C-alpha atoms as a PDB file:
ATOM      1  CA  MET A   1       6.049  -2.377 -31.994  1.00  0.00           C
ATOM      2  CA  GLU A   2       5.105   1.080 -30.794  1.00  0.00           C
ATOM      3  CA  ILE A   3       5.500   4.282 -32.758  1.00  0.00           C
ATOM      4  CA  VAL A   4       5.845   7.813 -31.450  1.00  0.00           C
ATOM      5  CA  TYR A   5       4.491  10.591 -33.618  1.00  0.00           C
ATOM      6  CA  ALA A   6       2.952  14.066 -33.549  1.00  0.00           C
ATOM      7  CA  ASP A   7       1.717  14.701 -37.106  1.00  0.00           C
ATOM      8  CA  PRO A   8      -2.056  14.026 -37.335  1.00  0.00           C
ATOM      9  CA  ARG A   9      -1.589  12.572 -40.824  1.00  0.00           C
ATOM     10  CA  ILE A  10       0.739   9.988 -39.338  1.00  0.00           C
ATOM     11  CA  VAL A  11      -1.905   9.328 -36.677  1.00  0.00           C
ATOM     12  CA  VAL A  12      -4.440   8.457 -39.365  1.00  0.00           C
ATOM     13  CA  ALA A  13      -1.976   6.254 -41.228  1.00  0.00           C
ATOM     14  CA  VAL A  14      -0.690   4.116 -38.373  1.00  0.00           C
ATOM     15  CA  LYS A  15      -3.998   2.766 -37.144  1.00  0.00           C
ATOM     16  CA  PRO A  16      -4.979   0.874 -40.321  1.00  0.00           C
ATOM     17  CA  ALA A  17      -1.378  -0.300 -40.556  1.00  0.00           C
ATOM     18  CA  GLY A  18      -1.825  -2.145 -37.250  1.00  0.00           C
ATOM     19  CA  VAL A  19       0.684  -0.019 -35.339  1.00  0.00           C
ATOM     20  CA  LEU A  20       0.001   0.907 -31.725  1.00  0.00           C
ATOM     21  CA  SER A  21      -0.222   4.557 -30.762  1.00  0.00           C
ATOM     22  CA  THR A  22       0.904   6.383 -27.652  1.00  0.00           C
ATOM     23  CA  ASP A  23      -0.480   9.721 -28.852  1.00  0.00           C
ATOM     24  CA  GLU A  24      -3.358   9.971 -26.383  1.00  0.00           C
ATOM     25  CA  PRO A  25      -4.432  13.077 -24.431  1.00  0.00           C
ATOM     26  CA  GLY A  26      -1.895  13.711 -21.698  1.00  0.00           C
ATOM     27  CA  GLY A  27       0.200  10.810 -22.911  1.00  0.00           C
ATOM     28  CA  MET A  28       3.905  10.378 -23.362  1.00  0.00           C
ATOM     29  CA  PRO A  29       4.359  12.184 -26.733  1.00  0.00           C
ATOM     30  CA  GLN A  30       2.648  15.322 -25.403  1.00  0.00           C
ATOM     31  CA  LEU A  31       4.995  15.345 -22.451  1.00  0.00           C
ATOM     32  CA  LEU A  32       8.009  14.771 -24.627  1.00  0.00           C
ATOM     33  CA  ARG A  33       7.063  17.694 -26.828  1.00  0.00           C
ATOM     34  CA  GLN A  34       7.762  19.926 -23.856  1.00  0.00           C
ATOM     35  CA  GLU A  35      11.350  18.699 -23.883  1.00  0.00           C
ATOM     36  CA  LEU A  36      12.973  19.951 -27.051  1.00  0.00           C
ATOM     37  CA  GLY A  37      16.071  18.929 -28.933  1.00  0.00           C
ATOM     38  CA  THR A  38      18.578  16.172 -28.243  1.00  0.00           C
ATOM     39  CA  PRO A  39      17.267  15.102 -24.781  1.00  0.00           C
ATOM     40  CA  CYS A  40      13.827  14.422 -26.252  1.00  0.00           C
ATOM     41  CA  ILE A  41      15.215  12.331 -29.114  1.00  0.00           C
ATOM     42  CA  ARG A  42      17.495  10.363 -26.799  1.00  0.00           C
ATOM     43  CA  THR A  43      14.472   9.596 -24.594  1.00  0.00           C
ATOM     44  CA  VAL A  44      12.231   8.496 -27.452  1.00  0.00           C
ATOM     45  CA  HIS A  45      14.702   6.236 -29.230  1.00  0.00           C
ATOM     46  CA  ARG A  46      15.305   4.259 -26.018  1.00  0.00           C
ATOM     47  CA  LEU A  47      11.649   3.222 -26.261  1.00  0.00           C
ATOM     48  CA  ASP A  48      12.468   1.104 -29.330  1.00  0.00           C
ATOM     49  CA  ALA A  49       9.998   3.195 -31.321  1.00  0.00           C
ATOM     50  CA  ALA A  50      10.074   4.626 -34.794  1.00  0.00           C
ATOM     51  CA  VAL A  51      10.243   8.377 -34.354  1.00  0.00           C
ATOM     52  CA  SER A  52       8.047  10.668 -36.414  1.00  0.00           C
ATOM     53  CA  GLY A  53       6.465  14.023 -35.823  1.00  0.00           C
ATOM     54  CA  LEU A  54       5.920  17.541 -36.928  1.00  0.00           C
ATOM     55  CA  MET A  55       9.361  19.049 -36.423  1.00  0.00           C
ATOM     56  CA  VAL A  56       9.173  22.671 -35.307  1.00  0.00           C
ATOM     57  CA  TYR A  57      12.552  24.030 -36.311  1.00  0.00           C
ATOM     58  CA  ALA A  58      14.055  23.994 -39.790  1.00  0.00           C
ATOM     59  CA  ARG A  59      16.423  21.056 -40.315  1.00  0.00           C
ATOM     60  CA  SER A  60      15.507  19.599 -36.903  1.00  0.00           C
ATOM     61  CA  ALA A  61      14.687  16.229 -38.473  1.00  0.00           C
ATOM     62  CA  LYS A  62      18.296  15.954 -39.612  1.00  0.00           C
ATOM     63  CA  ALA A  63      19.525  16.859 -36.144  1.00  0.00           C
ATOM     64  CA  ALA A  64      17.160  14.315 -34.591  1.00  0.00           C
ATOM     65  CA  SER A  65      18.475  11.543 -36.819  1.00  0.00           C
ATOM     66  CA  LEU A  66      21.990  12.093 -35.467  1.00  0.00           C
ATOM     67  CA  TYR A  67      20.880  11.110 -31.962  1.00  0.00           C
ATOM     68  CA  SER A  68      18.404   8.345 -32.724  1.00  0.00           C
ATOM     69  CA  ASP A  69      19.175   4.686 -33.352  1.00  0.00           C
ATOM     70  CA  VAL A  70      15.728   4.129 -34.893  1.00  0.00           C
ATOM     71  CA  PRO A  71      14.197   5.671 -38.021  1.00  0.00           C
ATOM     72  CA  VAL A  72      13.228   9.335 -38.000  1.00  0.00           C
ATOM     73  CA  ILE A  73      10.425  10.173 -40.417  1.00  0.00           C
ATOM     74  CA  ASN A  74      10.602  13.805 -41.440  1.00  0.00           C
ATOM     75  CA  ALA A  75       6.926  14.757 -41.399  1.00  0.00           C
ATOM     76  CA  GLY A  76       7.712  18.418 -41.982  1.00  0.00           C
ATOM     77  CA  ASP A  77      10.523  20.517 -40.531  1.00  0.00           C
ATOM     78  CA  GLY A  78       9.513  24.126 -40.096  1.00  0.00           C
ATOM     79  CA  GLY A  79       9.724  26.130 -43.335  1.00  0.00           C
ATOM     80  CA  HIS A  80      12.363  23.869 -44.855  1.00  0.00           C
ATOM     81  CA  ASN A  81      11.018  20.606 -46.337  1.00  0.00           C
ATOM     82  CA  HIS A  82       8.151  18.119 -46.111  1.00  0.00           C
ATOM     83  CA  PRO A  83       9.237  14.799 -47.692  1.00  0.00           C
ATOM     84  CA  THR A  84       6.213  12.715 -46.675  1.00  0.00           C
ATOM     85  CA  GLN A  85       3.861  15.237 -48.269  1.00  0.00           C
ATOM     86  CA  THR A  86       5.982  15.180 -51.415  1.00  0.00           C
ATOM     87  CA  LEU A  87       5.614  11.411 -51.679  1.00  0.00           C
ATOM     88  CA  THR A  88       1.877  12.031 -51.515  1.00  0.00           C
ATOM     89  CA  ASP A  89       2.108  14.714 -54.187  1.00  0.00           C
ATOM     90  CA  LEU A  90       4.119  12.449 -56.481  1.00  0.00           C
ATOM     91  CA  LEU A  91       1.598   9.639 -56.164  1.00  0.00           C
ATOM     92  CA  THR A  92      -1.223  12.079 -56.911  1.00  0.00           C
ATOM     93  CA  ILE A  93       0.512  13.491 -59.975  1.00  0.00           C
ATOM     94  CA  HIS A  94       1.291  10.062 -61.390  1.00  0.00           C
ATOM     95  CA  ARG A  95      -2.208   8.745 -60.716  1.00  0.00           C
ATOM     96  CA  GLU A  96      -3.782  11.773 -62.379  1.00  0.00           C
ATOM     97  CA  LYS A  97      -1.373  12.492 -65.236  1.00  0.00           C
ATOM     98  CA  GLY A  98       0.217   9.080 -65.772  1.00  0.00           C
ATOM     99  CA  ARG A  99       3.732  10.499 -65.911  1.00  0.00           C
ATOM    100  CA  PHE A 100       6.287  12.767 -64.254  1.00  0.00           C
ATOM    101  CA  ASP A 101       7.978  14.022 -67.425  1.00  0.00           C
ATOM    102  CA  ASP A 102       6.948  16.886 -69.718  1.00  0.00           C
ATOM    103  CA  LEU A 103       4.834  18.836 -67.270  1.00  0.00           C
ATOM    104  CA  THR A 104       4.416  22.553 -66.619  1.00  0.00           C
ATOM    105  CA  ILE A 105       3.954  22.896 -62.878  1.00  0.00           C
ATOM    106  CA  GLY A 106       2.523  26.045 -61.352  1.00  0.00           C
ATOM    107  CA  LEU A 107       3.288  26.666 -57.678  1.00  0.00           C
ATOM    108  CA  CYS A 108       1.091  29.373 -56.203  1.00  0.00           C
ATOM    109  CA  GLY A 109       0.968  31.208 -52.886  1.00  0.00           C
ATOM    110  CA  ASP A 110       3.555  31.166 -50.132  1.00  0.00           C
ATOM    111  CA  LEU A 111       6.645  29.871 -51.907  1.00  0.00           C
ATOM    112  CA  LYS A 112       9.035  31.393 -49.377  1.00  0.00           C
ATOM    113  CA  PHE A 113       7.936  29.466 -46.289  1.00  0.00           C
ATOM    114  CA  GLY A 114       5.996  26.680 -48.016  1.00  0.00           C
ATOM    115  CA  ARG A 115       7.983  23.558 -47.169  1.00  0.00           C
ATOM    116  CA  THR A 116       5.769  21.388 -49.387  1.00  0.00           C
ATOM    117  CA  VAL A 117       6.736  23.605 -52.316  1.00  0.00           C
ATOM    118  CA  HIS A 118      10.458  23.309 -51.573  1.00  0.00           C
ATOM    119  CA  SER A 119      10.261  19.516 -51.433  1.00  0.00           C
ATOM    120  CA  LEU A 120       8.124  19.225 -54.566  1.00  0.00           C
ATOM    121  CA  VAL A 121      10.523  21.389 -56.566  1.00  0.00           C
ATOM    122  CA  ALA A 122      13.403  19.171 -55.429  1.00  0.00           C
ATOM    123  CA  ALA A 123      11.546  16.010 -56.429  1.00  0.00           C
ATOM    124  CA  MET A 124      10.214  17.149 -59.793  1.00  0.00           C
ATOM    125  CA  SER A 125      13.551  18.641 -60.830  1.00  0.00           C
ATOM    126  CA  ARG A 126      14.779  15.060 -61.338  1.00  0.00           C
ATOM    127  CA  TYR A 127      12.545  14.522 -64.366  1.00  0.00           C
ATOM    128  CA  THR A 128      12.863  15.619 -67.990  1.00  0.00           C
ATOM    129  CA  GLY A 129      10.759  18.205 -69.727  1.00  0.00           C
ATOM    130  CA  ILE A 130       9.765  19.936 -66.498  1.00  0.00           C
ATOM    131  CA  ARG A 131       8.975  23.639 -66.457  1.00  0.00           C
ATOM    132  CA  PHE A 132       8.170  25.578 -63.298  1.00  0.00           C
ATOM    133  CA  VAL A 133       5.857  28.585 -63.056  1.00  0.00           C
ATOM    134  CA  LEU A 134       6.389  30.328 -59.707  1.00  0.00           C
ATOM    135  CA  ILE A 135       3.383  32.450 -58.730  1.00  0.00           C
ATOM    136  CA  SER A 136       3.645  34.566 -55.610  1.00  0.00           C
ATOM    137  CA  PRO A 137       3.803  38.094 -54.219  1.00  0.00           C
ATOM    138  CA  GLU A 138       7.274  39.593 -54.279  1.00  0.00           C
ATOM    139  CA  GLU A 139       7.557  39.095 -50.518  1.00  0.00           C
ATOM    140  CA  LEU A 140       6.866  35.346 -50.750  1.00  0.00           C
ATOM    141  CA  LYS A 141       9.028  34.319 -53.694  1.00  0.00           C
ATOM    142  CA  LEU A 142      10.764  30.942 -53.784  1.00  0.00           C
ATOM    143  CA  PRO A 143      14.022  31.168 -51.789  1.00  0.00           C
ATOM    144  CA  ARG A 144      17.146  31.682 -53.819  1.00  0.00           C
ATOM    145  CA  TYR A 145      18.817  28.556 -52.461  1.00  0.00           C
ATOM    146  CA  VAL A 146      15.950  26.386 -53.723  1.00  0.00           C
ATOM    147  CA  LYS A 147      16.143  27.928 -57.197  1.00  0.00           C
ATOM    148  CA  GLU A 148      19.925  27.644 -57.328  1.00  0.00           C
ATOM    149  CA  GLN A 149      20.099  24.050 -56.083  1.00  0.00           C
ATOM    150  CA  TYR A 150      17.196  22.471 -57.935  1.00  0.00           C
ATOM    151  CA  ILE A 151      16.263  24.689 -60.885  1.00  0.00           C
ATOM    152  CA  LYS A 152      19.158  26.767 -62.162  1.00  0.00           C
ATOM    153  CA  SER A 153      21.835  24.111 -61.565  1.00  0.00           C
ATOM    154  CA  ARG A 154      19.848  21.695 -63.766  1.00  0.00           C
ATOM    155  CA  ASN A 155      18.971  24.279 -66.411  1.00  0.00           C
ATOM    156  CA  ILE A 156      15.258  23.794 -65.853  1.00  0.00           C
ATOM    157  CA  PRO A 157      13.175  26.536 -67.483  1.00  0.00           C
ATOM    158  CA  TYR A 158      11.075  28.620 -65.119  1.00  0.00           C
ATOM    159  CA  ILE A 159       9.268  31.926 -64.893  1.00  0.00           C
ATOM    160  CA  GLN A 160       8.211  34.019 -61.912  1.00  0.00           C
ATOM    161  CA  SER A 161       4.868  35.779 -61.979  1.00  0.00           C
ATOM    162  CA  THR A 162       2.615  37.700 -59.634  1.00  0.00           C
ATOM    163  CA  SER A 163      -0.464  36.945 -61.761  1.00  0.00           C
ATOM    164  CA  LEU A 164      -2.211  33.570 -61.606  1.00  0.00           C
ATOM    165  CA  ASP A 165      -4.649  34.565 -64.337  1.00  0.00           C
ATOM    166  CA  GLU A 166      -1.906  35.273 -66.877  1.00  0.00           C
ATOM    167  CA  VAL A 167      -0.186  31.908 -66.558  1.00  0.00           C
ATOM    168  CA  MET A 168      -3.230  29.695 -65.993  1.00  0.00           C
ATOM    169  CA  PRO A 169      -3.527  28.504 -69.648  1.00  0.00           C
ATOM    170  CA  GLU A 170       0.020  27.101 -69.548  1.00  0.00           C
ATOM    171  CA  LEU A 171      -0.340  24.827 -66.546  1.00  0.00           C
ATOM    172  CA  ASP A 172      -0.606  21.028 -66.383  1.00  0.00           C
ATOM    173  CA  ILE A 173      -0.420  21.036 -62.566  1.00  0.00           C
ATOM    174  CA  LEU A 174      -1.507  23.856 -60.270  1.00  0.00           C
ATOM    175  CA  TYR A 175      -0.176  23.440 -56.723  1.00  0.00           C
ATOM    176  CA  MET A 176      -1.987  25.901 -54.458  1.00  0.00           C
ATOM    177  CA  THR A 177      -0.715  26.740 -50.975  1.00  0.00           C
ATOM    178  CA  ARG A 178      -2.021  28.831 -48.113  1.00  0.00           C
ATOM    179  CA  VAL A 179      -0.233  31.880 -46.778  1.00  0.00           C
ATOM    180  CA  GLN A 180       0.856  30.639 -43.361  1.00  0.00           C
ATOM    181  CA  ARG A 181       0.134  32.980 -40.470  1.00  0.00           C
ATOM    182  CA  GLU A 182       2.553  31.116 -38.193  1.00  0.00           C
ATOM    183  CA  ARG A 183       5.522  31.961 -40.449  1.00  0.00           C
ATOM    184  CA  PHE A 184       5.094  35.719 -40.204  1.00  0.00           C
ATOM    185  CA  PHE A 185       6.823  37.957 -37.707  1.00  0.00           C
ATOM    186  CA  ASN A 186       3.986  40.474 -37.626  1.00  0.00           C
ATOM    187  CA  GLU A 187       0.240  40.344 -38.161  1.00  0.00           C
ATOM    188  CA  GLU A 188       0.150  43.294 -40.568  1.00  0.00           C
ATOM    189  CA  ASP A 189       2.197  41.519 -43.239  1.00  0.00           C
ATOM    190  CA  TYR A 190       0.079  38.387 -42.938  1.00  0.00           C
ATOM    191  CA  LEU A 191      -3.197  40.293 -43.288  1.00  0.00           C
ATOM    192  CA  ARG A 192      -1.846  42.183 -46.291  1.00  0.00           C
ATOM    193  CA  LEU A 193      -0.755  39.041 -48.146  1.00  0.00           C
ATOM    194  CA  LYS A 194      -3.142  36.297 -47.017  1.00  0.00           C
ATOM    195  CA  ASP A 195      -5.673  36.835 -49.821  1.00  0.00           C
ATOM    196  CA  SER A 196      -3.155  37.340 -52.615  1.00  0.00           C
ATOM    197  CA  TYR A 197      -4.547  34.388 -54.582  1.00  0.00           C
ATOM    198  CA  ILE A 198      -8.040  32.912 -54.400  1.00  0.00           C
ATOM    199  CA  LEU A 199      -8.827  30.216 -56.948  1.00  0.00           C
ATOM    200  CA  THR A 200     -12.406  30.422 -58.232  1.00  0.00           C
ATOM    201  CA  PRO A 201     -14.343  28.731 -61.052  1.00  0.00           C
ATOM    202  CA  GLU A 202     -14.045  31.946 -63.059  1.00  0.00           C
ATOM    203  CA  LYS A 203     -10.261  31.808 -62.911  1.00  0.00           C
ATOM    204  CA  LEU A 204     -10.344  28.247 -64.250  1.00  0.00           C
ATOM    205  CA  LYS A 205     -12.207  29.168 -67.440  1.00  0.00           C
ATOM    206  CA  ASN A 206      -8.934  29.562 -69.343  1.00  0.00           C
ATOM    207  CA  ALA A 207      -7.260  26.515 -67.796  1.00  0.00           C
ATOM    208  CA  LYS A 208      -6.534  23.293 -69.661  1.00  0.00           C
ATOM    209  CA  PRO A 209      -9.306  20.674 -69.566  1.00  0.00           C
ATOM    210  CA  ASP A 210      -6.816  18.183 -68.105  1.00  0.00           C
ATOM    211  CA  LEU A 211      -5.311  20.553 -65.532  1.00  0.00           C
ATOM    212  CA  ARG A 212      -4.946  18.973 -62.112  1.00  0.00           C
ATOM    213  CA  ILE A 213      -5.271  21.120 -58.961  1.00  0.00           C
ATOM    214  CA  LEU A 214      -3.364  20.029 -55.860  1.00  0.00           C
ATOM    215  CA  HIS A 215      -3.159  21.485 -52.361  1.00  0.00           C
ATOM    216  CA  PRO A 216      -1.362  20.023 -49.309  1.00  0.00           C
ATOM    217  CA  LEU A 217      -4.247  21.186 -47.073  1.00  0.00           C
ATOM    218  CA  PRO A 218      -5.506  22.574 -44.828  1.00  0.00           C
ATOM    219  CA  ARG A 219      -6.733  25.501 -46.878  1.00  0.00           C
ATOM    220  CA  VAL A 220      -7.970  28.818 -45.573  1.00  0.00           C
ATOM    221  CA  ASN A 221      -9.718  30.577 -48.442  1.00  0.00           C
ATOM    222  CA  GLU A 222      -7.188  30.292 -51.283  1.00  0.00           C
ATOM    223  CA  ILE A 223      -9.445  27.801 -53.075  1.00  0.00           C
ATOM    224  CA  SER A 224     -13.139  28.599 -53.222  1.00  0.00           C
ATOM    225  CA  VAL A 225     -15.380  25.726 -52.126  1.00  0.00           C
ATOM    226  CA  ALA A 226     -17.094  26.168 -55.498  1.00  0.00           C
ATOM    227  CA  VAL A 227     -13.992  24.607 -57.079  1.00  0.00           C
ATOM    228  CA  ASP A 228     -14.393  21.393 -55.071  1.00  0.00           C
ATOM    229  CA  GLU A 229     -16.822  19.882 -57.572  1.00  0.00           C
ATOM    230  CA  ASP A 230     -14.593  20.631 -60.569  1.00  0.00           C
ATOM    231  CA  PRO A 231     -13.224  17.304 -61.896  1.00  0.00           C
ATOM    232  CA  ARG A 232      -9.794  18.904 -62.100  1.00  0.00           C
ATOM    233  CA  ALA A 233      -9.663  19.371 -58.305  1.00  0.00           C
ATOM    234  CA  CYS A 234      -7.583  16.559 -56.802  1.00  0.00           C
ATOM    235  CA  TYR A 235      -6.846  17.726 -53.274  1.00  0.00           C
ATOM    236  CA  PHE A 236      -9.323  15.402 -51.565  1.00  0.00           C
ATOM    237  CA  LYS A 237      -7.924  12.447 -53.507  1.00  0.00           C
ATOM    238  CA  GLN A 238      -4.522  13.711 -52.411  1.00  0.00           C
ATOM    239  CA  VAL A 239      -5.519  13.273 -48.764  1.00  0.00           C
ATOM    240  CA  GLN A 240      -6.478   9.654 -49.407  1.00  0.00           C
ATOM    241  CA  TYR A 241      -3.238   8.973 -51.284  1.00  0.00           C
ATOM    242  CA  GLY A 242      -1.361  10.532 -48.367  1.00  0.00           C
ATOM    243  CA  LYS A 243      -2.839   7.999 -45.986  1.00  0.00           C
ATOM    244  CA  TYR A 244      -1.645   5.127 -48.192  1.00  0.00           C
ATOM    245  CA  ILE A 245       1.828   6.634 -48.623  1.00  0.00           C
ATOM    246  CA  ARG A 246       2.321   7.062 -44.877  1.00  0.00           C
ATOM    247  CA  MET A 247       1.017   3.573 -44.156  1.00  0.00           C
ATOM    248  CA  ALA A 248       3.483   2.135 -46.666  1.00  0.00           C
ATOM    249  CA  LEU A 249       6.357   4.189 -45.258  1.00  0.00           C
ATOM    250  CA  ILE A 250       5.704   3.116 -41.673  1.00  0.00           C
ATOM    251  CA  LEU A 251       5.306  -0.543 -42.614  1.00  0.00           C
ATOM    252  CA  LYS A 252       8.561  -0.382 -44.564  1.00  0.00           C
ATOM    253  CA  LEU A 253      10.458   1.145 -41.650  1.00  0.00           C
ATOM    254  CA  LEU A 254       9.075  -1.470 -39.272  1.00  0.00           C
ATOM    255  CA  ASN A 255      10.074  -4.275 -41.668  1.00  0.00           C
ATOM    256  CA  ILE A 256       6.466  -5.390 -41.899  1.00  0.00           C
ATOM    257  CA  ALA A 257       6.268  -4.934 -45.672  1.00  0.00           C
END
C-alpha cells in the first residue's frame, strides 16, 4: 500500500512503519501540490492511497475528506487545527505527568494563529480540573470562537495575561509556540511581535520543580538553547513521541494494526 503525504513528520513516521513513499524530489506529490483543491484530492484518492499532508488553507482537510474515498489525515490545516500534533502533545503530557486531570496549562506565544494551541485547548477541555493560562500579546490572543466553544461553554476557569513571568509559578504545563512569520500580512507586525516571549533559565527560577515545557517545534528563539538541558524541557521527547503517534495512526488507517 502506498501513501501520499507532504508533512515531513509523516515522512519520518511512515518509513519505520513499512509504508512506501512517493514523496521523492520531482515526484508525484510535488506535482500534485501544484494542483489545489478538489481536482488534486480526486486524483490522489484514485491511487488507492491514504491521503495526508500539510493542508494550506484553513478547514481544507474537511473539504478534502468530502471528495476522497480513502482516509484523510489532517496534519495541520492553516491556522485552524493540528490534530496529529495534539495526539503527540497528549502522549507527552500523560507520559510526563501521569494524568490529564487537575492541570494548569499555560499556552504562550501566538495563540491567534497557532493551530497546535487551538487543537490542544479543544482536547484538554474534555478533562476535569483543567485551568488555562493564556499568555500572549494583545494582537495574538486566542480567538474568541475557540474560547467560546471549548472554554466558556464548559465553564473552565482561565486567565489572559501578557506577562509570562507573573504566571510562571502557577503552571504545571508550559506550551511555548513561535510567532509565525507566514501568518502575518506585513513584515512590520511580525518584527514587532516575534520576540514577545523568550524562555530562559532565569525565567524558570520561579517555576514548579515538576513543570513540563512543551513546544510543537520548530522554534525560532522563543526558547533559549540554555533551557534544553533543564530536566523540565520535554520538547525533544515530544518529537520522538510524535513519530510513534504518527506511525500508529498510519498503521491503524491501513488496517495493519
